[in-house]
Amino acid sequence: MHNKTVFVLLDGLQSEYAKEHLGYLEHLCEKQRAAKYEVLGELPSASRPMYETIFTGLEAYEHGIVNNGICRLSNQQHLFKMLHEAHKKSLTLAYYWISELYISAPFDKAKDVYHNDSSSCIDQGFFYYEDVFPDNHLYSLSSSFMEKENYDFVFIHPMSIDDAGHRFGSGSKEYAKTVMDNDKQLSTYIPKWIEAGYNVVVGADHGMSQNGYHGGNSDEQRRTALYIISNDVVCGYHEKELTTLQMAPLLCKLLGLKPTKRMKGLEVAFNE
């Protein structure tokens, strides 16, 4: 099993728009080169709580990050800490809330945009603080970092889908275009990641309503999609519906880490 993994979190990606506009990833699933699962996201369907759920495998009432206004470091055993303890090197290019959860809080935009500290749980990072930061720049930055150094785990977190959803709603052409733009970026970089020996996981934290909101319990706000590219997974379209709680044990499995006792059992189908 390859233990190197790239994880792309498409913030605010609604399930129906993944199916309709992520043509490259859907192509890989159709041709048995990737696996796809539908995901019913955990509640609340808000960003910061779901970031912590994704990286700890815990529900919001357990980890305590229950709304976007809670600005503090994670006090749980999370994936980045596990990587550090296993002497695995990580690169993170993400929205600044990730820095506040796993490096330092509150975020200081004068000094925390670029992070390089192998003694912390994230070795290298770039953190943007404007929702309009261009996704294509983020992918380019990830490529530049990866050309210079080798990493066990690369986390890439574009925000334009979520931003367009808030501005125009999930029913808008602007929202659809940002999904298509990410598909173009993914189709450019995924073949390079595969060639470099990485597993690739593409998922989302929550969906988006037509009114431009998320946080609540409607299908629009909760349903997302999960794509997995790895020689070790059973490829194709899977009928089993997952939840956000599956992301942490999945990433642990792909990275060769032992999941914590509090994580749920892995429900993704792997080849025997």
Protein backbone atom coordinates (compact mmCIF):
# COMPACT_ATOMS: atom_id res chain seq x y z
CA MET A 1 0.00 0.00 0.00
CA HIS A 2 1.16 3.52 -0.82
CA ASN A 3 1.18 5.52 2.41
CA LYS A 4 1.46 8.96 0.81
CA THR A 5 -1.84 10.80 0.37
CA VAL A 6 -3.13 14.05 -1.08
CA PHE A 7 -6.42 15.19 0.44
CA VAL A 8 -8.39 17.93 -1.36
CA LEU A 9 -11.28 19.41 0.60
CA LEU A 10 -13.63 21.26 -1.75
CA ASP A 11 -15.30 23.55 0.74
CA GLY A 12 -19.07 23.81 0.28
CA LEU A 13 -19.41 21.22 -2.51
CA GLN A 14 -22.97 19.96 -2.81
CA SER A 15 -23.46 16.36 -3.97
CA GLU A 16 -25.56 17.10 -7.05
CA TYR A 17 -23.00 19.60 -8.32
CA ALA A 18 -20.19 17.08 -7.83
CA LYS A 19 -22.05 14.62 -10.06
CA GLU A 20 -22.95 17.25 -12.64
CA HIS A 21 -19.69 19.20 -12.87
CA LEU A 22 -16.75 17.09 -11.63
CA GLY A 23 -16.52 15.37 -14.99
CA TYR A 24 -12.93 14.18 -14.63
CA LEU A 25 -13.50 12.50 -11.26
CA GLU A 26 -16.76 10.99 -12.48
CA HIS A 27 -14.87 9.69 -15.52
CA LEU A 28 -12.33 7.94 -13.28
CA CYS A 29 -15.16 6.28 -11.34
CA GLU A 30 -16.96 5.23 -14.51
CA LYS A 31 -13.74 3.66 -15.82
CA GLN A 32 -13.00 1.86 -12.52
CA ARG A 33 -10.01 4.08 -11.70
CA ALA A 34 -11.55 5.68 -8.59
CA ALA A 35 -14.18 5.00 -5.96
CA LYS A 36 -17.12 7.29 -5.21
CA TYR A 37 -19.35 7.41 -2.16
CA GLU A 38 -22.23 9.72 -1.35
CA VAL A 39 -21.79 11.37 2.04
CA LEU A 40 -24.42 12.59 4.47
CA GLY A 41 -22.45 15.24 6.32
CA GLU A 42 -22.52 15.48 10.09
CA LEU A 43 -24.25 18.33 11.90
CA PRO A 44 -23.92 21.22 12.24
CA SER A 45 -23.18 21.56 8.53
CA ALA A 46 -20.80 24.45 9.25
CA SER A 47 -17.16 24.70 8.29
CA ARG A 48 -15.10 24.90 11.46
CA PRO A 49 -17.02 22.12 13.26
CA MET A 50 -16.65 19.88 10.23
CA TYR A 51 -12.92 20.55 9.88
CA GLU A 52 -12.46 19.24 13.40
CA THR A 53 -14.78 16.28 12.72
CA ILE A 54 -12.85 15.42 9.54
CA PHE A 55 -9.47 15.40 11.29
CA THR A 56 -10.51 13.78 14.58
CA GLY A 57 -13.32 11.43 13.54
CA LEU A 58 -15.46 12.82 16.36
CA GLU A 59 -18.91 14.39 16.37
CA ALA A 60 -19.25 18.08 17.19
CA TYR A 61 -20.67 17.54 20.68
CA GLU A 62 -17.61 15.39 21.45
CA HIS A 63 -14.85 17.71 20.19
CA GLY A 64 -16.58 20.94 21.23
CA ILE A 65 -16.06 23.00 18.05
CA VAL A 66 -19.79 23.49 17.60
CA ASN A 67 -19.88 26.74 15.59
CA ASN A 68 -17.67 28.87 13.38
CA GLY A 69 -17.10 31.45 16.10
CA ILE A 70 -15.10 29.16 18.38
CA CYS A 71 -11.46 30.14 17.90
CA ARG A 72 -9.12 27.82 19.75
CA LEU A 73 -6.72 24.98 19.17
CA SER A 74 -8.06 21.46 18.95
CA ASN A 75 -7.84 19.64 22.27
CA GLN A 76 -8.32 16.21 20.67
CA GLN A 77 -6.05 13.61 19.13
CA HIS A 78 -6.16 14.75 15.49
CA LEU A 79 -4.63 13.57 12.25
CA PHE A 80 -1.87 16.18 12.12
CA LYS A 81 -0.71 15.27 15.64
CA MET A 82 -0.78 11.59 14.67
CA LEU A 83 1.33 12.29 11.60
CA HIS A 84 3.85 14.22 13.68
CA GLU A 85 4.06 11.46 16.28
CA ALA A 86 4.66 8.93 13.48
CA HIS A 87 7.46 11.14 12.04
CA LYS A 88 5.51 11.67 8.83
CA LYS A 89 5.86 14.99 7.02
CA SER A 90 2.82 17.11 6.22
CA LEU A 91 2.08 20.07 3.96
CA THR A 92 -1.10 22.12 4.36
CA LEU A 93 -2.44 24.84 2.06
CA ALA A 94 -5.70 25.95 3.58
CA TYR A 95 -8.02 28.59 4.97
CA TYR A 96 -6.71 30.18 8.15
CA TRP A 97 -9.23 28.40 10.39
CA ILE A 98 -7.13 25.26 9.88
CA SER A 99 -4.14 27.12 11.32
CA GLU A 100 -6.25 28.18 14.30
CA LEU A 101 -7.26 24.59 14.95
CA TYR A 102 -3.88 22.92 14.58
CA ILE A 103 -1.04 25.49 14.86
CA SER A 104 -1.94 28.65 16.83
CA ALA A 105 -4.99 30.74 17.67
CA PRO A 106 -5.93 33.42 16.98
CA PHE A 107 -4.43 33.72 13.50
CA ASP A 108 -1.97 36.57 12.99
CA LYS A 109 -2.04 37.51 9.30
CA ALA A 110 1.21 39.42 9.68
CA LYS A 111 3.18 36.27 10.53
CA ASP A 112 1.04 33.13 10.21
CA VAL A 113 0.43 33.07 6.44
CA TYR A 114 3.57 31.01 5.86
CA HIS A 115 4.41 28.24 8.29
CA ASN A 116 7.63 26.21 8.42
CA ASP A 117 8.27 24.36 11.66
CA SER A 118 9.04 20.66 11.77
CA SER A 119 8.60 20.66 15.55
CA SER A 120 4.88 21.50 15.18
CA CYS A 121 2.20 19.03 14.07
CA ILE A 122 2.17 20.61 10.58
CA ASP A 123 5.61 20.81 9.00
CA GLN A 124 4.91 23.34 6.26
CA GLY A 125 1.88 25.42 5.43
CA PHE A 126 0.36 28.33 3.57
CA PHE A 127 -2.77 29.85 5.07
CA TYR A 128 -4.93 32.42 3.26
CA TYR A 129 -7.44 34.63 5.07
CA GLU A 130 -9.67 35.97 2.27
CA ASP A 131 -12.46 33.74 0.95
CA VAL A 132 -11.75 35.02 -2.56
CA PHE A 133 -8.18 33.71 -2.67
CA PRO A 134 -7.98 32.06 -6.14
CA ASP A 135 -8.19 28.29 -6.16
CA ASN A 136 -5.81 27.97 -9.12
CA HIS A 137 -3.14 29.83 -7.13
CA LEU A 138 -3.58 27.36 -4.28
CA TYR A 139 -3.09 24.37 -6.58
CA SER A 140 -0.02 26.04 -8.11
CA LEU A 141 1.45 26.67 -4.68
CA SER A 142 0.91 23.04 -3.71
CA SER A 143 2.70 21.94 -6.87
CA SER A 144 5.60 24.28 -6.15
CA PHE A 145 6.02 22.94 -2.61
CA MET A 146 5.76 19.34 -3.79
CA GLU A 147 8.38 19.85 -6.49
CA LYS A 148 10.92 20.94 -3.88
CA GLU A 149 10.27 18.45 -1.05
CA ASN A 150 8.64 15.09 -0.38
CA TYR A 151 5.62 14.86 1.91
CA ASP A 152 3.64 12.00 3.37
CA PHE A 153 0.43 14.02 3.61
CA VAL A 154 -0.65 17.02 1.53
CA PHE A 155 -3.85 18.86 2.43
CA ILE A 156 -5.26 21.31 -0.15
CA HIS A 157 -8.31 23.36 0.82
CA PRO A 158 -9.84 25.62 -1.91
CA MET A 159 -12.61 28.03 -0.86
CA SER A 160 -14.11 29.40 -4.10
CA ILE A 161 -17.02 26.92 -4.25
CA ASP A 162 -18.15 27.89 -0.77
CA ASP A 163 -17.63 31.59 -1.48
CA ALA A 164 -19.69 31.46 -4.70
CA GLY A 165 -22.40 29.54 -2.88
CA HIS A 166 -22.68 32.21 -0.20
CA ARG A 167 -22.72 35.00 -2.78
CA PHE A 168 -25.04 33.50 -5.39
CA GLY A 169 -26.60 30.32 -3.98
CA SER A 170 -26.10 26.72 -5.05
CA GLY A 171 -28.55 27.11 -7.92
CA SER A 172 -26.42 29.74 -9.65
CA LYS A 173 -24.17 29.54 -12.69
CA GLU A 174 -21.44 31.17 -10.60
CA TYR A 175 -21.52 28.29 -8.12
CA ALA A 176 -21.50 25.73 -10.94
CA LYS A 177 -18.54 27.45 -12.62
CA THR A 178 -16.36 27.22 -9.50
CA VAL A 179 -17.03 23.47 -9.34
CA MET A 180 -16.06 23.11 -13.02
CA ASP A 181 -12.95 25.23 -12.45
CA ASN A 182 -11.86 22.89 -9.68
CA ASP A 183 -12.48 19.89 -11.91
CA LYS A 184 -10.08 21.42 -14.44
CA GLN A 185 -7.44 21.93 -11.75
CA LEU A 186 -7.91 18.41 -10.41
CA SER A 187 -7.66 16.89 -13.87
CA THR A 188 -4.36 18.75 -14.31
CA TYR A 189 -2.75 17.77 -11.02
CA ILE A 190 -4.20 14.36 -10.08
CA PRO A 191 -2.26 12.49 -12.82
CA LYS A 192 0.95 14.08 -11.47
CA TRP A 193 0.09 13.07 -7.91
CA ILE A 194 -0.66 9.50 -8.99
CA GLU A 195 2.64 9.34 -10.90
CA ALA A 196 4.44 10.55 -7.77
CA GLY A 197 2.96 7.65 -5.80
CA TYR A 198 0.18 9.42 -3.90
CA ASN A 199 -3.27 8.19 -3.02
CA VAL A 200 -5.79 10.97 -3.69
CA VAL A 201 -8.92 11.75 -1.69
CA VAL A 202 -11.34 14.49 -2.76
CA GLY A 203 -14.19 15.37 -0.41
CA ALA A 204 -16.14 18.22 1.15
CA ASP A 205 -17.08 19.52 4.56
CA HIS A 206 -20.73 20.37 3.79
CA GLY A 207 -23.08 21.33 0.96
CA MET A 208 -24.92 24.58 0.20
CA SER A 209 -28.52 25.75 -0.01
CA GLN A 210 -30.01 27.66 -2.92
CA ASN A 211 -30.31 30.62 -0.57
CA GLY A 212 -26.55 30.57 -0.02
CA TYR A 213 -26.40 29.08 3.46
CA HIS A 214 -25.30 25.95 5.30
CA GLY A 215 -25.26 24.83 8.90
CA GLY A 216 -28.64 23.13 9.12
CA ASN A 217 -30.28 19.80 8.44
CA SER A 218 -31.49 19.93 4.82
CA ASP A 219 -30.15 17.59 2.13
CA GLU A 220 -28.79 20.57 0.20
CA GLN A 221 -26.68 21.59 3.16
CA ARG A 222 -25.54 18.13 4.23
CA ARG A 223 -25.07 15.94 1.17
CA THR A 224 -21.61 15.87 -0.40
CA ALA A 225 -19.46 13.39 -2.31
CA LEU A 226 -16.23 11.51 -1.62
CA TYR A 227 -13.80 10.32 -4.30
CA ILE A 228 -10.88 7.99 -3.55
CA ILE A 229 -8.07 7.16 -5.97
CA SER A 230 -5.91 4.32 -4.65
CA ASN A 231 -4.85 0.91 -5.89
CA ASP A 232 -6.05 -0.45 -2.57
CA VAL A 233 -9.72 0.60 -2.73
CA VAL A 234 -12.58 -1.08 -4.57
CA CYS A 235 -13.24 1.28 -7.49
CA GLY A 236 -16.51 2.36 -9.05
CA TYR A 237 -19.75 3.78 -7.68
CA HIS A 238 -20.79 2.53 -4.24
CA GLU A 239 -24.36 2.42 -2.96
CA LYS A 240 -23.36 2.61 0.70
CA GLU A 241 -23.79 6.10 2.10
CA LEU A 242 -21.03 7.36 4.39
CA THR A 243 -20.84 10.20 6.89
CA THR A 244 -18.13 12.76 7.57
CA LEU A 245 -16.98 10.53 10.45
CA GLN A 246 -15.48 8.15 7.88
CA MET A 247 -12.87 10.62 6.63
CA ALA A 248 -10.50 10.34 9.60
CA PRO A 249 -10.27 6.52 9.65
CA LEU A 250 -10.01 6.52 5.84
CA LEU A 251 -7.07 8.93 5.89
CA CYS A 252 -5.46 6.93 8.69
CA LYS A 253 -5.76 3.73 6.64
CA LEU A 254 -4.25 5.34 3.54
CA LEU A 255 -1.43 6.94 5.55
CA GLY A 256 -0.56 3.78 7.45
CA LEU A 257 -1.63 5.22 10.81
CA LYS A 258 -3.50 3.38 13.53
CA PRO A 259 -6.89 5.08 14.05
CA THR A 260 -7.76 6.28 17.53
CA LYS A 261 -10.11 4.16 19.65
CA ARG A 262 -12.76 6.91 19.38
CA MET A 263 -12.89 6.85 15.57
CA LYS A 264 -15.65 4.89 13.87
CA GLY A 265 -14.91 1.62 12.12
CA LEU A 266 -13.94 2.11 8.47
CA GLU A 267 -16.78 1.40 6.04
CA VAL A 268 -14.91 2.11 2.79
CA ALA A 269 -14.36 -1.06 0.75
CA PHE A 270 -10.69 -2.02 0.33
CA ASN A 271 -9.25 -4.79 -1.82
CA GLU A 272 -8.30 -7.86 0.18
